[in-house]
Amino acid sequence: MAKDFLKGAADEYDVIVIGSGLAGMTSANILGRAGHRVLLLEQHYKLGGLATWFLRPGGHTFDISLHGFPHGMIKSCRRYWNKDISDRIVQLKNIRFDNPQFSLTTTFNRDDFTRLLTSKFGIEHSTVTEFFDTARGMNFFDDQTTTTRQLFDRFFPGRDDVVRLLMEPITYANGSTLEDPAITYGIVFSNFMSKGVFIYEGGTDDLIARMKKELISNNVDIRINCGVDRIHLDKGHVAAVETNGRKIKCRAVVSNANLRTTVLKMIGTEALDRDFVDKTQAVRLNNSSTQVYMALKPGQEIDESSGDLFFTSTSKEFRTDLLLSRDITSRTFSFYYPRARPGKKDRYAIVSSTNANWSDWADLNEHDYEASKQDLVETTIEALEKYIPGVRDKIDRAEAATPRTFHHYTRHESGASFGTKFEGLGVSRELPQQVGGMYHAGSVGIIMSGWLGAINYGVIVSNEVDQQLVRESSHTT
């Protein structure tokens, strides 16, 4: 008999959170802490969404998306999770770039970028200062017609090398392009520039375990292997969620699932205004990714001068379309030294990440798909050999993930690893006006992408849900 993953679950909750990505878990934690009855449903067998990991024989652990986030993560984790988690966030100080236009190492903050832009790239200090101040002053209510390309043309006309330095890491972090609204670049870039790049020391598995412990302490009912088939409405308001054959009542729903899936499939178009449906259908998905995971044999090492994050490219010029091409010219290597998991086995791992198009992988037959994955592994190791000679002989195992892999495990439409383009944020924010008690918190609009963006969006939405529940309770007493 199949296991009943809903055994013991109540028939009704104040809030049901669909999906346990960082936005979903943060929403659930805040609402549980506020005293609401919260049910957290996750379709996978692990919590975390793309903040996840996997194990392989030989004591190897691979992190999927633990590459780096802004300093603001410390404050958000301390306030909305706990100090135990925030105290484990540490800075990455060795960020490297190598491409035909320049090769450099940086601590990736405003002071060091100012030094590099003025001394290495020859930009006037006043221009650099004005650029940083302009980016830092951007917010969601600013002009949304100016593109990132136009922003760069204003400050650094004809300087493709400068654009590459400033843009390539952000494209890697959230899939943004030069044609996206400038505010999507300015907000994210300024977050990183404040104090640099940080990472969670202990690994994603340790982080999610501590988050789960905190959720349980706040009485959140966590259920894995529980995908949601339908969100039921009653007179324009959420009424229940259908999962694993059960209909569970609720007063509010927070969906951490893909925005288009939430609106078009879980809710359904028949319950929504035609204009809203059209806007949702017009939302563009952001790109996906490929990754190659490489674990070193026990006893083998990599010198830490290799870097923490290493942005490499063989392309003579910077073009965001090239970053998505199957003919890979740009790879970002994340190096995991034993200090990444203190107290665990001394293991070294390297993860190569590239942005990718779903269309390049979706329709390959099984033979071509496996051959393409193996080619991805081989060409990645060849590229890494340029920087770490002899690394091939040190590797214990290597394997690849593609957009199809991300789709399989997350159920994100087209394997999108960065949510939606900018217009998705407006649709996400409008959802409660379309359906009472229905909220969305996930990777949308580029701004809300990445670990910090997802957590902070979960904070925003949970506060709105709390206000709704308190308001409704006051009307019934």
Protein backbone atom coordinates (compact mmCIF):
# COMPACT_ATOMS: atom_id res chain seq x y z
CA MET A 1 0.00 0.00 0.00
CA ALA A 2 1.30 3.46 -0.96
CA LYS A 3 2.36 5.67 1.93
CA ASP A 4 -0.16 8.32 2.96
CA PHE A 5 1.91 11.49 3.15
CA LEU A 6 -1.12 13.39 4.48
CA LYS A 7 -1.76 11.03 7.37
CA GLY A 8 -2.67 13.08 10.42
CA ALA A 9 -3.09 16.31 8.48
CA ALA A 10 -6.01 18.47 9.58
CA ASP A 11 -9.04 19.14 7.39
CA GLU A 12 -8.56 22.90 7.59
CA TYR A 13 -5.75 25.44 8.06
CA ASP A 14 -5.51 29.20 8.13
CA VAL A 15 -2.89 29.18 5.36
CA ILE A 16 -1.66 26.61 2.90
CA VAL A 17 1.75 27.29 1.37
CA ILE A 18 2.37 25.51 -1.93
CA GLY A 19 6.05 24.83 -2.51
CA SER A 20 9.02 24.92 -0.18
CA GLY A 21 11.47 27.09 -2.06
CA LEU A 22 13.05 29.83 0.03
CA ALA A 23 10.08 32.16 -0.52
CA GLY A 24 7.59 29.46 0.46
CA MET A 25 9.48 28.33 3.53
CA THR A 26 10.02 31.92 4.69
CA SER A 27 6.32 32.72 4.29
CA ALA A 28 5.37 29.58 6.20
CA ASN A 29 7.84 30.34 8.99
CA ILE A 30 6.69 33.92 9.50
CA LEU A 31 3.01 32.97 9.46
CA GLY A 32 3.59 30.04 11.80
CA ARG A 33 5.54 32.27 14.16
CA ALA A 34 2.59 34.69 14.12
CA GLY A 35 0.35 31.93 15.47
CA HIS A 36 -1.51 30.96 12.30
CA ARG A 37 -2.21 27.34 11.43
CA VAL A 38 0.07 26.67 8.45
CA LEU A 39 0.30 23.68 6.12
CA LEU A 40 3.40 23.56 3.88
CA LEU A 41 3.01 21.30 0.85
CA GLU A 42 6.03 20.21 -1.21
CA GLN A 43 5.76 18.04 -4.31
CA HIS A 44 9.35 16.80 -4.00
CA TYR A 45 10.77 14.52 -1.29
CA LYS A 46 13.06 17.30 -0.04
CA LEU A 47 12.43 20.87 1.06
CA GLY A 48 14.27 23.79 -0.49
CA GLY A 49 13.21 24.08 -4.13
CA LEU A 50 16.33 25.01 -6.10
CA ALA A 51 18.13 25.59 -2.80
CA THR A 52 18.98 21.92 -2.76
CA TRP A 53 21.75 19.35 -2.95
CA PHE A 54 22.37 15.71 -3.80
CA LEU A 55 24.69 12.96 -2.56
CA ARG A 56 26.92 10.61 -4.47
CA PRO A 57 29.02 7.59 -3.39
CA GLY A 58 32.41 8.40 -1.91
CA GLY A 59 31.12 10.98 0.55
CA HIS A 60 30.43 13.58 -2.13
CA THR A 61 27.77 16.27 -1.69
CA PHE A 62 26.88 18.66 -4.52
CA ASP A 63 25.11 22.00 -4.00
CA ILE A 64 22.81 23.06 -6.84
CA SER A 65 22.56 26.81 -6.29
CA LEU A 66 24.76 27.70 -3.33
CA HIS A 67 27.05 30.01 -5.29
CA GLY A 68 26.79 33.41 -3.63
CA PHE A 69 24.32 36.04 -2.46
CA PRO A 70 24.41 39.63 -1.13
CA HIS A 71 25.21 40.69 2.44
CA GLY A 72 21.51 41.43 3.03
CA MET A 73 20.99 37.69 3.44
CA ILE A 74 22.51 37.92 6.93
CA LYS A 75 19.93 40.44 8.13
CA SER A 76 17.01 38.63 6.49
CA CYS A 77 17.99 35.24 7.94
CA ARG A 78 18.58 36.67 11.40
CA ARG A 79 15.24 38.47 11.46
CA TYR A 80 12.97 35.98 9.72
CA TRP A 81 14.73 32.73 10.59
CA ASN A 82 17.21 32.76 13.46
CA LYS A 83 20.70 33.79 14.54
CA ASP A 84 21.87 30.19 14.36
CA ILE A 85 21.42 30.38 10.58
CA SER A 86 22.62 33.95 10.00
CA ASP A 87 25.85 33.39 11.96
CA ARG A 88 26.89 30.75 9.41
CA ILE A 89 26.88 33.17 6.49
CA VAL A 90 30.44 34.13 5.48
CA GLN A 91 32.03 36.25 2.77
CA LEU A 92 33.66 34.95 -0.41
CA LYS A 93 36.67 37.18 -1.04
CA ASN A 94 38.28 35.61 -4.09
CA ILE A 95 36.12 36.35 -7.15
CA ARG A 96 37.97 35.89 -10.45
CA PHE A 97 37.38 36.84 -14.09
CA ASP A 98 39.21 35.58 -17.15
CA ASN A 99 38.23 36.37 -20.73
CA PRO A 100 39.90 37.81 -23.87
CA GLN A 101 39.25 41.37 -22.65
CA PHE A 102 40.62 41.18 -19.09
CA SER A 103 41.77 38.93 -16.27
CA LEU A 104 41.42 40.03 -12.65
CA THR A 105 40.59 39.12 -9.07
CA THR A 106 38.23 41.13 -6.88
CA THR A 107 36.42 41.12 -3.55
CA PHE A 108 33.33 42.17 -5.54
CA ASN A 109 32.25 45.27 -3.63
CA ARG A 110 31.92 48.94 -4.49
CA ASP A 111 35.32 50.00 -3.18
CA ASP A 112 37.17 47.34 -5.13
CA PHE A 113 35.13 47.81 -8.29
CA THR A 114 35.78 51.56 -8.09
CA ARG A 115 39.50 50.82 -7.84
CA LEU A 116 39.38 48.48 -10.83
CA LEU A 117 37.23 50.73 -13.01
CA THR A 118 39.46 53.76 -12.44
CA SER A 119 42.92 52.15 -12.41
CA LYS A 120 42.54 49.15 -14.75
CA PHE A 121 39.80 50.36 -17.09
CA GLY A 122 40.63 54.08 -17.05
CA ILE A 123 37.15 55.38 -16.17
CA GLU A 124 36.91 58.79 -14.49
CA HIS A 125 36.23 58.49 -10.75
CA SER A 126 33.30 60.91 -10.99
CA THR A 127 31.66 58.75 -13.67
CA VAL A 128 32.07 55.61 -11.57
CA THR A 129 30.62 57.35 -8.52
CA GLU A 130 27.62 58.65 -10.47
CA PHE A 131 26.99 55.19 -11.95
CA PHE A 132 27.03 53.50 -8.55
CA ASP A 133 24.80 56.18 -7.03
CA THR A 134 22.33 55.89 -9.90
CA ALA A 135 22.15 52.09 -9.61
CA ARG A 136 21.79 52.25 -5.82
CA GLY A 137 18.96 54.78 -6.08
CA MET A 138 16.80 52.61 -8.33
CA ASN A 139 13.56 51.10 -7.06
CA PHE A 140 10.47 49.36 -8.38
CA PHE A 141 8.58 52.63 -8.85
CA ASP A 142 11.20 54.12 -11.18
CA ASP A 143 10.96 54.42 -14.96
CA GLN A 144 10.70 50.88 -16.30
CA THR A 145 11.28 51.74 -19.97
CA THR A 146 15.02 52.38 -19.68
CA THR A 147 16.94 49.20 -20.47
CA THR A 148 20.16 48.02 -18.90
CA ARG A 149 21.88 48.56 -22.24
CA GLN A 150 20.77 52.20 -22.23
CA LEU A 151 22.04 52.58 -18.66
CA PHE A 152 25.48 51.35 -19.69
CA ASP A 153 25.48 53.46 -22.86
CA ARG A 154 24.85 56.52 -20.72
CA PHE A 155 27.85 55.98 -18.46
CA PHE A 156 30.24 53.80 -20.45
CA PRO A 157 29.58 54.31 -24.18
CA GLY A 158 31.57 51.97 -26.40
CA ARG A 159 33.13 50.16 -23.44
CA ASP A 160 32.09 46.54 -23.94
CA ASP A 161 34.81 45.46 -21.53
CA VAL A 162 33.32 47.53 -18.71
CA VAL A 163 29.84 46.22 -19.49
CA ARG A 164 31.22 42.69 -19.30
CA LEU A 165 32.71 43.25 -15.84
CA LEU A 166 29.51 44.84 -14.50
CA MET A 167 26.93 42.66 -16.24
CA GLU A 168 28.27 39.12 -16.58
CA PRO A 169 27.97 38.16 -12.88
CA ILE A 170 24.42 39.52 -12.68
CA THR A 171 23.36 37.63 -15.79
CA TYR A 172 24.76 34.53 -14.14
CA ALA A 173 22.97 35.34 -10.87
CA ASN A 174 19.46 35.97 -12.23
CA GLY A 175 19.38 35.49 -16.00
CA SER A 176 18.92 39.19 -16.80
CA THR A 177 19.91 40.61 -20.19
CA LEU A 178 20.85 44.01 -21.57
CA GLU A 179 17.31 44.40 -22.90
CA ASP A 180 15.62 43.99 -19.52
CA PRO A 181 14.56 47.08 -17.51
CA ALA A 182 17.55 48.83 -15.97
CA ILE A 183 16.00 48.68 -12.51
CA THR A 184 16.25 44.88 -12.56
CA TYR A 185 19.99 45.28 -12.94
CA GLY A 186 20.49 48.28 -10.67
CA ILE A 187 18.71 46.83 -7.64
CA VAL A 188 20.44 43.44 -7.76
CA PHE A 189 23.87 44.85 -8.62
CA SER A 190 23.71 47.37 -5.77
CA ASN A 191 22.77 44.62 -3.32
CA PHE A 192 25.99 42.78 -4.18
CA MET A 193 28.11 45.92 -4.28
CA SER A 194 27.20 46.97 -0.74
CA LYS A 195 29.55 44.49 0.93
CA GLY A 196 30.37 41.74 -1.54
CA VAL A 197 29.40 38.11 -2.10
CA PHE A 198 28.48 35.75 0.73
CA ILE A 199 27.73 32.06 1.14
CA TYR A 200 26.27 29.75 3.76
CA GLU A 201 29.02 27.77 5.50
CA GLY A 202 27.87 24.22 6.13
CA GLY A 203 26.23 23.50 2.79
CA THR A 204 22.66 23.64 1.56
CA ASP A 205 21.78 20.42 3.35
CA ASP A 206 22.73 21.97 6.69
CA LEU A 207 20.83 25.19 5.94
CA ILE A 208 17.59 23.43 4.97
CA ALA A 209 17.84 21.13 8.01
CA ARG A 210 18.05 24.17 10.30
CA MET A 211 15.18 25.86 8.48
CA LYS A 212 13.06 22.73 8.83
CA LYS A 213 13.80 22.64 12.56
CA GLU A 214 12.69 26.27 12.85
CA LEU A 215 9.50 25.60 10.89
CA ILE A 216 8.60 22.72 13.18
CA SER A 217 9.27 24.86 16.26
CA ASN A 218 6.71 27.33 14.87
CA ASN A 219 4.13 24.54 14.44
CA VAL A 220 4.18 24.48 10.65
CA ASP A 221 2.75 21.20 9.36
CA ILE A 222 5.23 20.06 6.67
CA ARG A 223 4.19 17.50 4.06
CA ILE A 224 6.50 16.25 1.30
CA ASN A 225 5.50 14.31 -1.83
CA CYS A 226 2.30 16.34 -1.92
CA GLY A 227 1.87 18.09 -5.23
CA VAL A 228 -1.13 20.38 -5.65
CA ASP A 229 -3.64 19.55 -8.35
CA ARG A 230 -6.14 22.35 -7.85
CA ILE A 231 -6.88 25.47 -5.83
CA HIS A 232 -10.64 25.59 -5.20
CA LEU A 233 -12.54 28.87 -4.98
CA ASP A 234 -15.85 29.89 -3.45
CA LYS A 235 -17.44 33.17 -4.50
CA GLY A 236 -14.15 34.62 -5.68
CA HIS A 237 -12.15 33.59 -2.59
CA VAL A 238 -9.82 30.66 -1.99
CA ALA A 239 -11.61 27.85 -0.19
CA ALA A 240 -9.44 24.74 -0.39
CA VAL A 241 -6.43 23.07 -1.94
CA GLU A 242 -6.58 19.64 -3.55
CA THR A 243 -3.54 17.43 -3.00
CA ASN A 244 -3.06 13.64 -3.15
CA GLY A 245 -6.80 13.13 -3.50
CA ARG A 246 -7.74 15.26 -0.47
CA LYS A 247 -9.40 18.64 -0.42
CA ILE A 248 -8.07 20.67 2.52
CA LYS A 249 -9.85 23.87 3.47
CA CYS A 250 -8.05 27.17 4.11
CA ARG A 251 -8.54 30.92 4.40
CA ALA A 252 -5.48 31.88 2.37
CA VAL A 253 -3.05 30.30 -0.07
CA VAL A 254 0.55 31.30 -0.77
CA SER A 255 1.89 29.67 -3.93
CA ASN A 256 5.63 29.30 -4.28
CA ALA A 257 5.10 27.37 -7.49
CA ASN A 258 5.85 28.83 -10.91
CA LEU A 259 3.63 31.87 -11.54
CA ARG A 260 2.15 30.65 -14.81
CA THR A 261 1.47 27.21 -13.35
CA THR A 262 -0.20 28.76 -10.31
CA VAL A 263 -2.55 30.98 -12.29
CA LEU A 264 -3.25 29.00 -15.46
CA LYS A 265 -3.33 25.46 -14.05
CA MET A 266 -3.88 25.41 -10.29
CA ILE A 267 -6.50 28.18 -10.27
CA GLY A 268 -7.65 27.91 -13.87
CA THR A 269 -8.53 30.57 -16.41
CA GLU A 270 -12.31 30.21 -16.05
CA ALA A 271 -12.25 31.87 -12.61
CA LEU A 272 -10.27 34.94 -13.68
CA ASP A 273 -10.76 38.14 -15.65
CA ARG A 274 -9.84 37.78 -19.30
CA ASP A 275 -7.38 40.69 -19.16
CA PHE A 276 -5.56 39.12 -16.22
CA VAL A 277 -5.39 35.77 -18.00
CA ASP A 278 -3.97 37.48 -21.08
CA LYS A 279 -1.34 39.26 -19.00
CA THR A 280 -0.38 35.98 -17.33
CA GLN A 281 -0.11 34.16 -20.64
CA ALA A 282 2.10 36.97 -21.93
CA VAL A 283 4.56 36.62 -19.05
CA ARG A 284 7.88 35.42 -20.42
CA LEU A 285 9.80 32.77 -18.54
CA ASN A 286 13.41 33.44 -17.71
CA ASN A 287 16.07 31.08 -19.00
CA SER A 288 17.21 27.79 -17.57
CA SER A 289 20.68 26.42 -16.80
CA THR A 290 23.09 23.60 -17.35
CA GLN A 291 25.52 22.47 -14.69
CA VAL A 292 28.42 20.06 -14.43
CA TYR A 293 29.21 18.64 -11.00
CA MET A 294 32.77 17.45 -10.43
CA ALA A 295 34.01 15.76 -7.24
CA LEU A 296 37.67 15.17 -6.52
CA LYS A 297 39.02 11.85 -5.35
CA PRO A 298 39.65 11.53 -1.59
CA GLY A 299 43.05 12.98 -0.80
CA GLN A 300 43.16 15.17 -3.90
CA GLU A 301 43.15 18.95 -3.42
CA ILE A 302 42.76 22.23 -5.28
CA ASP A 303 44.72 25.28 -4.23
CA GLU A 304 42.46 28.03 -2.92
CA SER A 305 44.12 30.49 -5.29
CA SER A 306 41.79 28.95 -7.88
CA GLY A 307 39.13 31.25 -6.44
CA ASP A 308 35.70 30.95 -4.89
CA LEU A 309 33.71 32.07 -7.93
CA PHE A 310 35.42 32.14 -11.32
CA PHE A 311 33.76 33.79 -14.36
CA THR A 312 35.42 32.48 -17.52
CA SER A 313 34.79 33.06 -21.19
CA THR A 314 36.51 32.46 -24.52
CA SER A 315 34.27 34.90 -26.41
CA LYS A 316 36.02 38.02 -27.69
CA GLU A 317 32.99 40.15 -26.83
CA PHE A 318 30.21 40.17 -24.25
CA ARG A 319 26.78 39.20 -25.56
CA THR A 320 24.03 37.82 -23.36
CA ASP A 321 22.78 35.63 -26.22
CA LEU A 322 26.14 33.87 -26.27
CA LEU A 323 25.72 33.05 -22.58
CA LEU A 324 22.67 30.95 -23.52
CA SER A 325 24.11 29.20 -26.56
CA ARG A 326 24.60 25.42 -26.76
CA ASP A 327 27.99 26.32 -28.19
CA ILE A 328 29.24 27.25 -24.73
CA THR A 329 31.82 30.02 -24.48
CA SER A 330 31.16 31.17 -20.91
CA ARG A 331 31.28 29.09 -17.74
CA THR A 332 31.14 30.09 -14.10
CA PHE A 333 32.98 27.76 -11.74
CA SER A 334 32.06 27.52 -8.06
CA PHE A 335 34.79 25.97 -5.94
CA TYR A 336 33.86 24.16 -2.74
CA TYR A 337 36.76 23.60 -0.37
CA PRO A 338 36.56 21.55 2.87
CA ARG A 339 35.77 24.79 4.75
CA ALA A 340 32.44 24.82 2.92
CA ARG A 341 31.32 21.98 5.21
CA PRO A 342 33.23 22.27 8.50
CA GLY A 343 33.44 19.07 10.47
CA LYS A 344 32.58 16.88 7.48
CA LYS A 345 34.86 14.78 5.30
CA ASP A 346 37.60 16.76 3.57
CA ARG A 347 36.15 16.85 0.10
CA TYR A 348 36.69 19.22 -2.82
CA ALA A 349 34.00 19.85 -5.42
CA ILE A 350 33.62 22.11 -8.43
CA VAL A 351 30.33 23.08 -10.07
CA SER A 352 30.31 24.67 -13.52
CA SER A 353 27.18 26.66 -14.36
CA THR A 354 26.00 28.08 -17.66
CA ASN A 355 22.76 29.76 -18.64
CA ALA A 356 20.77 27.75 -21.18
CA ASN A 357 17.67 27.67 -23.38
CA TRP A 358 15.00 25.05 -22.79
CA SER A 359 14.46 24.75 -26.56
CA ASP A 360 18.01 23.49 -27.10
CA TRP A 361 17.40 20.45 -24.90
CA ALA A 362 13.66 19.77 -24.79
CA ASP A 363 13.19 17.74 -27.96
CA LEU A 364 16.38 15.66 -28.04
CA ASN A 365 15.76 11.93 -28.24
CA GLU A 366 17.18 9.86 -25.40
CA HIS A 367 20.34 8.84 -27.26
CA ASP A 368 21.16 12.41 -28.36
CA TYR A 369 20.28 13.74 -24.94
CA GLU A 370 22.68 11.43 -23.12
CA ALA A 371 25.39 12.12 -25.71
CA SER A 372 24.89 15.86 -25.29
CA LYS A 373 25.16 15.57 -21.52
CA GLN A 374 28.39 13.61 -21.84
CA ASP A 375 29.75 16.18 -24.28
CA LEU A 376 28.87 18.91 -21.79
CA VAL A 377 30.89 17.10 -19.12
CA GLU A 378 33.88 16.53 -21.38
CA THR A 379 34.07 20.08 -22.75
CA THR A 380 33.69 21.49 -19.24
CA ILE A 381 36.59 19.44 -17.90
CA GLU A 382 38.65 20.53 -20.92
CA ALA A 383 37.87 24.16 -20.13
CA LEU A 384 38.79 23.67 -16.47
CA GLU A 385 42.11 22.04 -17.43
CA LYS A 386 43.24 25.42 -18.76
CA TYR A 387 43.16 26.82 -15.24
CA ILE A 388 43.90 23.69 -13.18
CA PRO A 389 46.27 21.51 -15.22
CA GLY A 390 45.84 17.82 -14.47
CA VAL A 391 42.44 18.26 -12.85
CA ARG A 392 40.95 15.48 -15.01
CA ASP A 393 43.07 12.90 -13.21
CA LYS A 394 41.95 14.25 -9.84
CA ILE A 395 38.21 13.95 -10.57
CA ASP A 396 36.42 11.01 -8.96
CA ARG A 397 33.10 11.53 -10.72
CA ALA A 398 31.43 14.09 -12.96
CA GLU A 399 27.86 14.42 -14.17
CA ALA A 400 25.64 17.01 -15.83
CA ALA A 401 22.25 18.63 -15.28
CA THR A 402 20.25 20.31 -18.04
CA PRO A 403 17.02 22.31 -18.34
CA ARG A 404 15.24 18.96 -18.48
CA THR A 405 16.79 18.04 -15.12
CA PHE A 406 15.53 21.25 -13.53
CA HIS A 407 12.07 20.68 -15.01
CA HIS A 408 11.96 17.11 -13.71
CA TYR A 409 12.78 17.99 -10.11
CA THR A 410 11.10 21.39 -9.72
CA ARG A 411 8.23 21.11 -12.23
CA HIS A 412 9.07 24.65 -13.31
CA GLU A 413 7.68 25.29 -16.77
CA SER A 414 10.47 24.98 -19.38
CA GLY A 415 12.92 24.22 -16.58
CA ALA A 416 13.09 27.92 -15.73
CA SER A 417 15.73 28.40 -13.05
CA PHE A 418 15.23 32.16 -12.67
CA GLY A 419 11.42 32.42 -12.66
CA THR A 420 9.95 35.01 -15.00
CA LYS A 421 10.94 38.17 -16.78
CA PHE A 422 10.09 41.55 -15.25
CA GLU A 423 6.40 41.62 -16.22
CA GLY A 424 5.79 38.60 -13.99
CA LEU A 425 6.16 40.72 -10.86
CA GLY A 426 3.09 42.82 -11.71
CA VAL A 427 0.96 39.72 -12.32
CA SER A 428 2.19 38.15 -9.09
CA ARG A 429 1.34 41.27 -7.11
CA GLU A 430 -2.13 41.59 -8.70
CA LEU A 431 -3.22 38.05 -7.87
CA PRO A 432 -4.89 38.88 -4.49
CA GLN A 433 -7.10 41.42 -6.28
CA GLN A 434 -8.22 38.72 -8.68
CA VAL A 435 -8.86 36.02 -6.07
CA GLY A 436 -9.43 36.82 -2.43
CA GLY A 437 -6.87 35.19 -0.16
CA MET A 438 -4.68 34.06 -3.08
CA TYR A 439 -1.03 35.12 -3.02
CA HIS A 440 2.10 34.30 -4.95
CA ALA A 441 5.67 34.42 -3.65
CA GLY A 442 8.39 33.13 -5.90
CA SER A 443 11.09 33.95 -8.38
CA VAL A 444 9.50 36.63 -10.53
CA GLY A 445 10.48 39.82 -12.25
CA ILE A 446 14.25 39.17 -11.95
CA ILE A 447 14.33 41.41 -8.84
CA MET A 448 12.82 38.67 -6.70
CA SER A 449 15.18 36.01 -8.06
CA GLY A 450 18.06 34.43 -6.21
CA TRP A 451 18.20 33.42 -2.57
CA LEU A 452 17.88 36.89 -1.06
CA GLY A 453 15.20 38.04 -3.49
CA ALA A 454 13.13 34.92 -2.84
CA ILE A 455 13.37 35.22 0.95
CA ASN A 456 12.48 38.90 0.89
CA TYR A 457 9.48 38.31 -1.37
CA GLY A 458 8.32 35.64 1.05
CA VAL A 459 8.55 38.25 3.82
CA ILE A 460 6.50 40.80 1.87
CA VAL A 461 3.74 38.34 1.01
CA SER A 462 3.54 36.75 4.48
CA ASN A 463 2.97 40.18 6.01
CA GLU A 464 0.08 40.78 3.60
CA VAL A 465 -1.41 37.37 4.42
CA ASP A 466 -1.10 38.05 8.14
CA GLN A 467 -2.93 41.36 7.73
CA GLN A 468 -5.74 39.64 5.84
CA LEU A 469 -6.14 36.90 8.45
CA VAL A 470 -6.08 39.31 11.38
CA ARG A 471 -8.58 41.58 9.63
CA GLU A 472 -10.96 38.70 8.91
CA SER A 473 -10.66 37.40 12.48
CA SER A 474 -11.52 40.81 13.91
CA HIS A 475 -14.67 40.94 11.78
CA THR A 476 -15.90 37.62 13.14
CA THR A 477 -15.35 38.38 16.84
